[in-house]
Amino acid sequence: MGKLDKLQPSAVWRVFELLSGVPRGSGNEQGVMNALKAWADERSLAWKEDKVGNLLITIPGTKGLEKIAPVLIQGHVDMVCEKNAATKHDFATDPIKLQVLGDWVTADGTTLGADNGIGVAMGLALADDKSTPHGPVEVLLTVDEERGLTGAAGVMPGFFTARRMINLDSEEDDAIFVGCAGGRDTEFVLRNRTTRAPKDSAGRKVTITGLKGGHSGLDIGTGRGNAIKILTRALAVAAADMDLRLVDIRGGSMRNAIPREAEARVVIDKAKGRRFKQIVDAQLQRIAGEELAGVDDGFTWQVAAVKAPRCLGLASSRTALDLMTAIPNGVLAMSKDIPGLVETSSNLGVVATDGAKIRLVCCSRSSVMSVLGELVDRHAAIGRLAGAEVIQPEGYPGWKPNLKSNLLQVVKKQYGKAFGIEPQLLAIHAGLECGLLTEKYPDLDIVSFGPNIKGAHSPDEKVQISSVQKIWKLFAATMRELPRS
């Protein structure tokens, strides 16, 4: 028996358990796609695959509704792969270890993949649900969403025929989403030289752990700590007091996740060891008490002695710390039109050292494209001043709200009938694939909704069971109504 066998709606949880049993980190989706093809074959459902690996599964309309206009259901199969430092898990080979804790499904020390596995499961569950009459359904399952929406970017005109689309990649069950932010990434590469550590020097390692992390769009407004920025601040204060040379620095693993952990090894004068620890401890205690209290109370750190025979030079170390300090991070502007919505943000998501090369990756978002353009230009200027190579791939567009949408009116009506209240209509400060798809299909009418998911992109990720039931009720009601609309 599976962990989720007793949960309702059973058709949804069966598919979700199937997904959870196959590794599906971004870029490693072939195994799960093969499993979904086999799943479709078992039900005699037609499917096709495009050049970038996206899968389209067609579910015929129920009796009497076979010839009406189809509806597209869309979600992405890949997931963010994050785990706690103490968790033994290989995302390339191991299934997700599911747990049911009260009203929540979560994983054991890793990300769960409810983003967006639960949406994929809802779309496919229509094939096994015999209680919901519906017209023809095309289920578009995209790849590589979490690394930059490249799957959606590769969808070509003509791959699907529907002109109404329900995206199931939202994470709040009291709202219907009608717009999203656009995004651009910036990668900085500092190429340095290493040298022997000076005589009478000592190595120290500073480790940051215990932060909540989270989604760099949905959670950026919470004030949670960014481990890379916090570590940089402590090292920069110490470097202002003494000669400090970097050996290496690393933190985060995904550009679109707020880094929870980071560590750096440094070389200092042997006589300054106690002073270094005092400075680092004082700086981090201040951040913990003044900035993160009540927000990230699990924040911890450690300063330990290590061997460090080689390091960067003083100037290279200072430049690297200056660059990490200067990169904008966190909420940069709030929306003037939608109260409480973050308009523009930046997340320093990854730093890694390979020999003498330091690589940083930053994810920027905005619902105002001109502002986003200015922000990535600012990143480029900061990188050039530091002498870094700056790489800025093409980003993805935002999705502009259409409050007159026919599909939106149907979903709003069904929400009101099912729950007795009007849903919120929101835009989301995160990248949805809707914007890219409307570039290829300008007449595509889209809404997005989904169940409550907390802690996406972190090992705290969980999806609410009662909320899945609620959103399934809305989804089924919408599918029953659309043939009449």
Protein backbone atom coordinates (compact mmCIF):
# COMPACT_ATOMS: atom_id res chain seq x y z
CA MET A 1 0.00 0.00 0.00
CA GLY A 2 1.13 3.52 -0.75
CA LYS A 3 1.48 6.29 1.79
CA LEU A 4 -1.39 8.23 0.19
CA ASP A 5 -3.89 5.41 -0.44
CA LYS A 6 -6.50 6.71 2.00
CA LEU A 7 -6.47 10.31 0.77
CA GLN A 8 -9.20 11.88 -1.36
CA PRO A 9 -9.62 12.53 -4.22
CA SER A 10 -7.97 9.18 -4.76
CA ALA A 11 -7.43 9.67 -8.52
CA VAL A 12 -5.31 12.74 -7.83
CA TRP A 13 -3.19 11.20 -5.09
CA ARG A 14 -2.52 8.06 -7.15
CA VAL A 15 -0.94 10.12 -9.90
CA PHE A 16 0.98 12.23 -7.38
CA GLU A 17 2.40 9.09 -5.78
CA LEU A 18 3.42 7.86 -9.23
CA LEU A 19 5.27 11.13 -9.86
CA SER A 20 6.94 11.02 -6.45
CA GLY A 21 8.37 7.59 -7.18
CA VAL A 22 10.42 8.77 -10.17
CA PRO A 23 13.31 11.29 -9.96
CA ARG A 24 12.31 14.48 -11.79
CA GLY A 25 14.69 17.27 -10.97
CA SER A 26 14.96 19.94 -13.65
CA GLY A 27 16.93 18.50 -16.58
CA ASN A 28 16.28 14.93 -15.42
CA GLU A 29 12.69 14.46 -16.56
CA GLN A 30 13.04 11.64 -19.10
CA GLY A 31 12.29 8.93 -16.55
CA VAL A 32 9.09 10.54 -15.33
CA MET A 33 8.02 11.30 -18.90
CA ASN A 34 8.47 7.63 -19.78
CA ALA A 35 6.35 6.69 -16.77
CA LEU A 36 3.62 9.10 -17.87
CA LYS A 37 3.66 7.73 -21.42
CA ALA A 38 3.20 4.24 -20.00
CA TRP A 39 0.40 5.59 -17.79
CA ALA A 40 -1.31 7.06 -20.88
CA ASP A 41 -0.80 3.84 -22.87
CA GLU A 42 -2.51 1.83 -20.11
CA ARG A 43 -5.59 4.01 -20.63
CA SER A 44 -5.36 4.09 -24.45
CA LEU A 45 -4.81 7.85 -24.35
CA ALA A 46 -3.08 9.50 -27.28
CA TRP A 47 0.14 11.38 -26.56
CA LYS A 48 2.88 13.19 -28.42
CA GLU A 49 6.22 14.73 -27.51
CA ASP A 50 7.93 17.80 -28.92
CA LYS A 51 11.61 18.49 -29.61
CA VAL A 52 12.39 19.84 -26.15
CA GLY A 53 10.67 16.98 -24.31
CA ASN A 54 7.25 18.45 -23.47
CA LEU A 55 4.43 15.91 -23.44
CA LEU A 56 0.82 16.39 -24.59
CA ILE A 57 -1.69 13.77 -23.44
CA THR A 58 -5.21 13.90 -24.88
CA ILE A 59 -8.21 12.82 -22.81
CA PRO A 60 -11.36 12.38 -24.95
CA GLY A 61 -14.57 14.12 -24.00
CA THR A 62 -17.12 12.11 -22.08
CA LYS A 63 -20.18 10.71 -23.86
CA GLY A 64 -22.09 13.39 -25.74
CA LEU A 65 -19.30 15.99 -25.29
CA GLU A 66 -16.71 14.51 -27.65
CA LYS A 67 -16.87 17.24 -30.30
CA ILE A 68 -16.91 20.48 -28.35
CA ALA A 69 -13.90 22.79 -28.20
CA PRO A 70 -11.04 21.31 -26.14
CA VAL A 71 -9.59 22.77 -22.95
CA LEU A 72 -5.87 22.80 -22.21
CA ILE A 73 -4.72 21.82 -18.70
CA GLN A 74 -1.11 22.79 -18.07
CA GLY A 75 1.58 22.10 -15.50
CA HIS A 76 5.29 21.28 -15.29
CA VAL A 77 6.70 17.92 -14.28
CA ASP A 78 10.11 19.02 -12.96
CA MET A 79 10.79 19.96 -9.35
CA VAL A 80 13.35 21.90 -7.33
CA CYS A 81 15.81 19.53 -5.61
CA GLU A 82 16.66 20.85 -2.14
CA LYS A 83 17.45 18.85 1.01
CA ASN A 84 18.59 19.46 4.54
CA ALA A 85 22.33 19.09 5.07
CA ALA A 86 21.87 15.99 7.23
CA THR A 87 19.48 14.25 4.82
CA LYS A 88 20.86 11.39 2.74
CA HIS A 89 19.04 11.55 -0.58
CA ASP A 90 20.17 11.33 -4.20
CA PHE A 91 17.70 13.27 -6.36
CA ALA A 92 19.04 11.54 -9.48
CA THR A 93 18.04 8.07 -8.31
CA ASP A 94 15.94 8.11 -5.13
CA PRO A 95 12.13 8.45 -4.90
CA ILE A 96 10.69 11.15 -2.69
CA LYS A 97 9.88 9.77 0.77
CA LEU A 98 6.29 10.89 1.35
CA GLN A 99 4.82 11.59 4.77
CA VAL A 100 1.28 12.43 5.91
CA LEU A 101 1.29 14.78 8.90
CA GLY A 102 -2.24 15.73 9.89
CA ASP A 103 -3.78 17.72 7.05
CA TRP A 104 -0.52 17.95 5.12
CA VAL A 105 1.55 15.82 2.78
CA THR A 106 5.27 16.51 3.04
CA ALA A 107 8.61 14.78 2.41
CA ASP A 108 11.32 13.47 4.70
CA GLY A 109 14.03 16.15 4.67
CA THR A 110 13.68 17.11 1.01
CA THR A 111 11.50 19.17 -1.26
CA LEU A 112 8.19 17.45 -1.95
CA GLY A 113 7.58 18.34 -5.59
CA ALA A 114 3.97 19.41 -5.01
CA ASP A 115 5.17 22.37 -7.05
CA ASN A 116 3.96 21.37 -9.61
CA GLY A 117 3.34 17.66 -9.21
CA ILE A 118 -0.03 18.18 -7.55
CA GLY A 119 -1.22 20.28 -10.51
CA VAL A 120 -0.02 17.66 -12.98
CA ALA A 121 -1.84 15.01 -10.93
CA MET A 122 -5.10 16.98 -11.00
CA GLY A 123 -5.02 17.38 -14.76
CA LEU A 124 -4.33 13.71 -15.42
CA ALA A 125 -6.82 12.51 -12.79
CA LEU A 126 -9.64 13.53 -15.13
CA ALA A 127 -8.85 10.40 -17.12
CA ASP A 128 -9.75 8.15 -14.16
CA ASP A 129 -12.55 10.25 -12.67
CA LYS A 130 -15.91 8.99 -13.95
CA SER A 131 -18.04 11.50 -12.03
CA THR A 132 -17.05 14.63 -13.98
CA PRO A 133 -18.48 15.07 -17.50
CA HIS A 134 -16.16 17.17 -19.64
CA GLY A 135 -15.26 17.98 -23.19
CA PRO A 136 -11.98 16.99 -24.84
CA VAL A 137 -8.93 17.80 -22.69
CA GLU A 138 -5.35 18.35 -23.76
CA VAL A 139 -2.90 18.03 -20.85
CA LEU A 140 0.33 19.90 -21.57
CA LEU A 141 3.19 18.72 -19.33
CA THR A 142 6.27 20.87 -19.66
CA VAL A 143 9.89 20.27 -18.68
CA ASP A 144 12.59 22.40 -17.08
CA GLU A 145 10.29 25.07 -15.68
CA GLU A 146 12.28 25.60 -12.50
CA ARG A 147 15.57 26.39 -14.26
CA GLY A 148 14.12 29.06 -16.52
CA LEU A 149 10.84 27.92 -18.14
CA THR A 150 12.74 26.54 -21.11
CA GLY A 151 10.16 23.82 -21.76
CA ALA A 152 7.35 26.34 -22.21
CA ALA A 153 9.67 28.52 -24.30
CA GLY A 154 10.11 25.56 -26.65
CA VAL A 155 6.39 24.90 -27.24
CA MET A 156 5.75 25.60 -30.91
CA PRO A 157 2.52 26.92 -32.49
CA GLY A 158 0.30 24.01 -33.46
CA PHE A 159 1.45 21.62 -30.73
CA PHE A 160 -1.98 21.88 -29.10
CA THR A 161 -5.35 23.04 -30.44
CA ALA A 162 -7.19 24.41 -27.36
CA ARG A 163 -7.73 28.14 -26.92
CA ARG A 164 -8.82 28.01 -23.26
CA MET A 165 -6.22 27.01 -20.69
CA ILE A 166 -6.23 26.26 -16.96
CA ASN A 167 -2.77 26.46 -15.43
CA LEU A 168 -2.59 24.48 -12.17
CA ASP A 169 0.68 25.95 -10.86
CA SER A 170 -0.67 28.35 -8.21
CA GLU A 171 -0.33 27.83 -4.47
CA GLU A 172 -3.16 29.68 -2.68
CA ASP A 173 -6.66 28.20 -2.71
CA ASP A 174 -8.55 31.42 -1.95
CA ALA A 175 -7.47 33.15 -5.15
CA ILE A 176 -7.61 32.93 -8.92
CA PHE A 177 -4.44 34.15 -10.54
CA VAL A 178 -4.70 36.31 -13.62
CA GLY A 179 -1.14 37.60 -14.10
CA CYS A 180 2.49 36.95 -13.22
CA ALA A 181 5.89 38.61 -13.17
CA GLY A 182 8.54 38.33 -15.85
CA GLY A 183 12.07 37.31 -15.01
CA ARG A 184 15.75 37.47 -16.04
CA ASP A 185 18.81 35.74 -14.64
CA THR A 186 22.32 37.09 -14.29
CA GLU A 187 25.41 34.96 -13.86
CA PHE A 188 28.68 36.48 -12.66
CA VAL A 189 32.03 34.70 -13.07
CA LEU A 190 35.15 35.93 -11.27
CA ARG A 191 38.36 34.31 -12.51
CA ASN A 192 41.17 34.60 -9.99
CA ARG A 193 44.49 33.02 -9.12
CA THR A 194 45.30 31.12 -5.97
CA THR A 195 48.51 31.50 -4.01
CA ARG A 196 50.13 29.91 -1.00
CA ALA A 197 48.67 31.02 2.28
CA PRO A 198 51.05 33.44 4.06
CA LYS A 199 53.29 32.20 6.84
CA ASP A 200 51.80 32.46 10.33
CA SER A 201 48.29 32.31 8.85
CA ALA A 202 45.33 30.24 10.03
CA GLY A 203 42.31 28.84 8.24
CA ARG A 204 38.77 29.41 9.45
CA LYS A 205 35.45 28.08 8.19
CA VAL A 206 32.19 29.97 8.74
CA THR A 207 28.99 27.96 8.22
CA ILE A 208 25.46 29.40 8.04
CA THR A 209 22.55 26.98 8.59
CA GLY A 210 18.96 26.81 9.85
CA LEU A 211 17.34 29.44 7.63
CA LYS A 212 13.90 28.73 6.15
CA GLY A 213 14.72 29.55 2.55
CA GLY A 214 11.78 29.28 0.17
CA HIS A 215 10.58 30.39 -3.24
CA SER A 216 12.44 33.45 -4.49
CA GLY A 217 9.21 34.91 -5.85
CA LEU A 218 6.42 33.79 -3.53
CA ASP A 219 8.46 34.09 -0.31
CA ILE A 220 10.72 37.03 -1.12
CA GLY A 221 8.44 39.46 0.74
CA THR A 222 8.61 37.55 4.03
CA GLY A 223 11.96 38.99 5.08
CA ARG A 224 13.58 35.57 5.38
CA GLY A 225 17.35 35.53 5.53
CA ASN A 226 19.52 34.88 2.48
CA ALA A 227 22.42 32.72 3.69
CA ILE A 228 24.83 33.99 1.01
CA LYS A 229 24.17 37.65 1.80
CA ILE A 230 24.37 37.07 5.56
CA LEU A 231 27.67 35.22 5.25
CA THR A 232 29.04 37.94 2.97
CA ARG A 233 28.13 40.65 5.48
CA ALA A 234 29.97 38.91 8.30
CA LEU A 235 33.08 38.31 6.20
CA ALA A 236 33.07 41.87 4.86
CA VAL A 237 33.04 43.31 8.41
CA ALA A 238 35.95 41.05 9.35
CA ALA A 239 37.84 42.01 6.16
CA ALA A 240 37.57 45.68 7.11
CA ASP A 241 39.37 44.89 10.38
CA MET A 242 42.11 42.50 9.20
CA ASP A 243 43.71 40.90 6.18
CA LEU A 244 41.27 38.25 5.01
CA ARG A 245 41.77 35.93 2.05
CA LEU A 246 39.05 33.70 0.63
CA VAL A 247 39.79 30.04 0.08
CA ASP A 248 36.31 29.21 -1.22
CA ILE A 249 32.68 30.13 -0.71
CA ARG A 250 29.53 28.24 -1.57
CA GLY A 251 25.82 28.48 -0.86
CA GLY A 252 22.43 27.77 -2.42
CA SER A 253 21.76 25.39 -5.29
CA MET A 254 18.92 27.00 -7.28
CA ARG A 255 18.73 30.54 -8.60
CA ASN A 256 15.00 30.69 -7.75
CA ALA A 257 15.28 29.46 -4.16
CA ILE A 258 16.27 31.69 -1.24
CA PRO A 259 19.52 30.10 0.01
CA ARG A 260 19.16 28.43 3.40
CA GLU A 261 22.80 27.45 3.92
CA ALA A 262 26.22 28.82 3.00
CA GLU A 263 29.82 28.33 4.02
CA ALA A 264 33.20 29.92 3.38
CA ARG A 265 36.77 29.10 4.21
CA VAL A 266 39.15 32.00 4.75
CA VAL A 267 42.77 32.62 5.71
CA ILE A 268 43.65 35.18 8.38
CA ASP A 269 46.67 36.04 10.53
CA LYS A 270 47.13 33.33 13.14
CA ALA A 271 47.19 35.95 15.89
CA LYS A 272 43.77 37.26 14.79
CA GLY A 273 41.85 34.00 15.23
CA ARG A 274 40.02 35.03 18.39
CA ARG A 275 39.34 38.51 17.01
CA PHE A 276 37.90 37.03 13.80
CA LYS A 277 35.45 34.87 15.73
CA GLN A 278 34.40 37.80 17.91
CA ILE A 279 33.65 39.94 14.86
CA VAL A 280 31.72 37.22 13.02
CA ASP A 281 29.74 36.22 16.11
CA ALA A 282 28.85 39.85 16.91
CA GLN A 283 27.70 40.58 13.35
CA LEU A 284 25.58 37.43 13.06
CA GLN A 285 24.08 37.85 16.53
CA ARG A 286 23.01 41.34 15.53
CA ILE A 287 21.41 40.10 12.30
CA ALA A 288 19.66 37.30 14.19
CA GLY A 289 18.31 39.61 16.88
CA GLU A 290 17.47 42.74 14.89
CA GLU A 291 16.49 41.42 11.46
CA LEU A 292 15.48 37.78 11.66
CA ALA A 293 13.80 37.50 15.07
CA GLY A 294 10.31 36.09 14.57
CA VAL A 295 11.05 35.47 10.90
CA ASP A 296 13.96 33.03 10.78
CA ASP A 297 14.44 31.96 14.38
CA GLY A 298 16.23 28.74 13.42
CA PHE A 299 19.25 30.68 12.12
CA THR A 300 22.53 29.26 13.45
CA TRP A 301 26.22 29.54 12.56
CA GLN A 302 29.57 28.06 13.41
CA VAL A 303 33.17 29.28 13.22
CA ALA A 304 35.76 26.50 13.16
CA ALA A 305 39.48 26.08 12.51
CA VAL A 306 40.43 24.37 9.24
CA LYS A 307 43.53 23.73 7.17
CA ALA A 308 43.91 26.09 4.21
CA PRO A 309 47.26 25.86 2.42
CA ARG A 310 46.15 27.94 -0.60
CA CYS A 311 43.87 30.94 -1.01
CA LEU A 312 43.02 33.93 -3.19
CA GLY A 313 44.97 37.12 -2.92
CA LEU A 314 43.84 40.04 -0.77
CA ALA A 315 42.62 42.13 -3.72
CA SER A 316 40.71 39.24 -5.33
CA SER A 317 39.09 38.37 -2.01
CA ARG A 318 38.01 41.95 -1.43
CA THR A 319 36.59 42.20 -4.96
CA ALA A 320 34.56 39.00 -4.51
CA LEU A 321 33.11 40.24 -1.21
CA ASP A 322 32.38 43.67 -2.72
CA LEU A 323 30.55 42.06 -5.65
CA MET A 324 28.39 39.89 -3.39
CA THR A 325 27.68 42.90 -1.19
CA ALA A 326 26.70 45.13 -4.12
CA ILE A 327 24.31 42.73 -5.87
CA PRO A 328 20.73 43.87 -5.05
CA ASN A 329 18.76 41.34 -3.06
CA GLY A 330 15.23 41.06 -1.67
CA VAL A 331 12.20 43.24 -2.34
CA LEU A 332 13.12 46.30 -4.41
CA ALA A 333 9.65 47.75 -5.14
CA MET A 334 6.00 47.09 -4.31
CA SER A 335 3.18 47.25 -6.85
CA LYS A 336 1.43 50.59 -7.24
CA ASP A 337 -1.70 48.87 -8.58
CA ILE A 338 -2.20 45.75 -6.43
CA PRO A 339 -1.87 46.24 -2.66
CA GLY A 340 0.59 43.85 -1.04
CA LEU A 341 2.04 42.55 -4.33
CA VAL A 342 5.81 42.64 -4.74
CA GLU A 343 6.54 44.38 -8.03
CA THR A 344 10.32 43.94 -8.32
CA SER A 345 12.79 41.71 -6.52
CA SER A 346 16.20 40.12 -6.82
CA ASN A 347 17.55 36.91 -5.29
CA LEU A 348 21.23 35.99 -5.06
CA GLY A 349 20.53 32.28 -5.23
CA VAL A 350 23.85 30.52 -5.85
CA VAL A 351 27.53 31.02 -5.14
CA ALA A 352 30.07 28.31 -5.91
CA THR A 353 33.86 28.09 -6.07
CA ASP A 354 35.73 25.91 -8.55
CA GLY A 355 39.46 26.25 -7.96
CA ALA A 356 40.09 29.95 -8.32
CA LYS A 357 36.80 30.65 -10.13
CA ILE A 358 33.84 32.07 -8.22
CA ARG A 359 30.40 31.82 -9.85
CA LEU A 360 27.28 33.66 -8.69
CA VAL A 361 23.73 33.39 -10.05
CA CYS A 362 20.99 35.93 -9.41
CA CYS A 363 17.27 35.67 -10.27
CA SER A 364 15.40 38.95 -10.87
CA ARG A 365 11.65 39.44 -11.26
CA SER A 366 9.29 42.29 -12.02
CA SER A 367 5.76 42.80 -13.28
CA VAL A 368 6.99 45.98 -15.03
CA MET A 369 9.21 45.01 -17.93
CA SER A 370 11.01 48.36 -18.17
CA VAL A 371 11.95 48.09 -14.49
CA LEU A 372 13.17 44.54 -15.00
CA GLY A 373 15.33 45.75 -17.87
CA GLU A 374 16.86 48.47 -15.70
CA LEU A 375 17.56 45.98 -12.93
CA VAL A 376 19.44 43.52 -15.13
CA ASP A 377 21.38 46.44 -16.63
CA ARG A 378 22.33 47.41 -13.06
CA HIS A 379 23.50 43.86 -12.40
CA ALA A 380 25.63 43.98 -15.54
CA ALA A 381 27.18 47.30 -14.53
CA ILE A 382 28.03 46.00 -11.04
CA GLY A 383 29.61 42.91 -12.57
CA ARG A 384 31.72 44.93 -15.00
CA LEU A 385 32.98 47.18 -12.21
CA ALA A 386 34.12 44.05 -10.37
CA GLY A 387 35.87 42.72 -13.47
CA ALA A 388 33.50 39.75 -13.68
CA GLU A 389 32.25 38.03 -16.79
CA VAL A 390 28.51 38.74 -16.95
CA ILE A 391 26.13 36.26 -18.60
CA GLN A 392 22.46 37.23 -19.00
CA PRO A 393 20.31 34.69 -20.90
CA GLU A 394 17.02 35.71 -22.42
CA GLY A 395 14.33 35.93 -19.76
CA TYR A 396 10.63 35.21 -19.84
CA PRO A 397 7.74 37.66 -20.18
CA GLY A 398 5.09 38.46 -17.66
CA TRP A 399 1.45 37.49 -18.14
CA LYS A 400 -0.80 40.52 -18.43
CA PRO A 401 -4.16 40.25 -16.59
CA ASN A 402 -7.36 40.13 -18.67
CA LEU A 403 -10.21 40.75 -16.25
CA LYS A 404 -12.75 40.43 -19.11
CA SER A 405 -11.70 36.86 -19.85
CA ASN A 406 -14.62 34.51 -20.54
CA LEU A 407 -12.81 31.64 -18.83
CA LEU A 408 -12.23 33.80 -15.76
CA GLN A 409 -15.96 34.55 -15.51
CA VAL A 410 -16.74 30.81 -15.59
CA VAL A 411 -14.20 29.99 -12.87
CA LYS A 412 -15.32 32.91 -10.68
CA LYS A 413 -18.94 31.79 -10.94
CA GLN A 414 -18.10 28.19 -10.03
CA TYR A 415 -15.96 29.32 -7.12
CA GLY A 416 -18.81 31.39 -5.73
CA LYS A 417 -21.31 28.56 -6.16
CA ALA A 418 -19.00 26.00 -4.54
CA PHE A 419 -17.74 28.05 -1.56
CA GLY A 420 -20.23 30.88 -1.12
CA ILE A 421 -17.65 33.68 -1.41
CA GLU A 422 -15.97 35.61 -4.17
CA PRO A 423 -12.37 34.57 -4.90
CA GLN A 424 -9.54 37.07 -4.84
CA LEU A 425 -8.18 37.94 -8.27
CA LEU A 426 -4.41 38.20 -7.95
CA ALA A 427 -1.23 38.49 -9.89
CA ILE A 428 1.73 36.48 -8.63
CA HIS A 429 5.31 37.59 -8.09
CA ALA A 430 6.70 34.49 -9.71
CA GLY A 431 7.21 33.13 -13.17
CA LEU A 432 4.35 31.12 -14.61
CA GLU A 433 4.55 29.55 -18.04
CA CYS A 434 1.42 31.45 -19.07
CA GLY A 435 3.35 34.45 -20.39
CA LEU A 436 5.52 32.34 -22.68
CA LEU A 437 2.54 30.40 -23.98
CA THR A 438 0.59 33.55 -24.82
CA GLU A 439 3.57 34.72 -26.89
CA LYS A 440 3.12 31.65 -29.10
CA TYR A 441 -0.71 31.59 -28.84
CA PRO A 442 -1.84 35.25 -28.49
CA ASP A 443 -5.54 34.31 -28.40
CA LEU A 444 -5.12 31.84 -25.53
CA ASP A 445 -7.54 32.57 -22.66
CA ILE A 446 -5.90 31.58 -19.35
CA VAL A 447 -6.59 31.39 -15.63
CA SER A 448 -4.44 29.80 -12.93
CA PHE A 449 -5.39 28.27 -9.58
CA GLY A 450 -4.18 25.57 -7.22
CA PRO A 451 -4.19 24.24 -3.65
CA ASN A 452 -2.28 25.60 -0.67
CA ILE A 453 1.41 24.78 -0.85
CA LYS A 454 3.75 26.04 1.85
CA GLY A 455 7.54 26.21 1.73
CA ALA A 456 7.93 25.55 -2.00
CA HIS A 457 11.56 25.17 -3.12
CA SER A 458 12.64 24.20 0.40
CA PRO A 459 12.68 20.96 2.45
CA ASP A 460 9.76 22.41 4.41
CA GLU A 461 7.50 22.12 1.34
CA LYS A 462 4.06 20.69 2.06
CA VAL A 463 0.66 20.57 0.37
CA GLN A 464 -2.63 20.72 2.29
CA ILE A 465 -4.90 17.71 1.84
CA SER A 466 -8.17 19.57 2.51
CA SER A 467 -7.08 22.28 0.08
CA VAL A 468 -6.46 19.69 -2.66
CA GLN A 469 -10.04 18.51 -2.08
CA LYS A 470 -11.28 22.11 -2.31
CA ILE A 471 -9.45 22.87 -5.56
CA TRP A 472 -10.49 19.55 -7.07
CA LYS A 473 -14.10 20.53 -6.38
CA LEU A 474 -13.54 23.85 -8.18
CA PHE A 475 -11.67 22.19 -11.04
CA ALA A 476 -14.34 19.52 -11.57
CA ALA A 477 -17.15 22.09 -11.42
CA THR A 478 -15.34 24.24 -13.98
CA MET A 479 -14.80 21.30 -16.32
CA ARG A 480 -18.51 20.41 -16.08
CA GLU A 481 -19.54 24.00 -16.83
CA LEU A 482 -17.18 24.77 -19.72
CA PRO A 483 -19.12 22.76 -22.35
CA ARG A 484 -22.12 25.01 -21.63
CA SER A 485 -20.20 28.31 -21.60
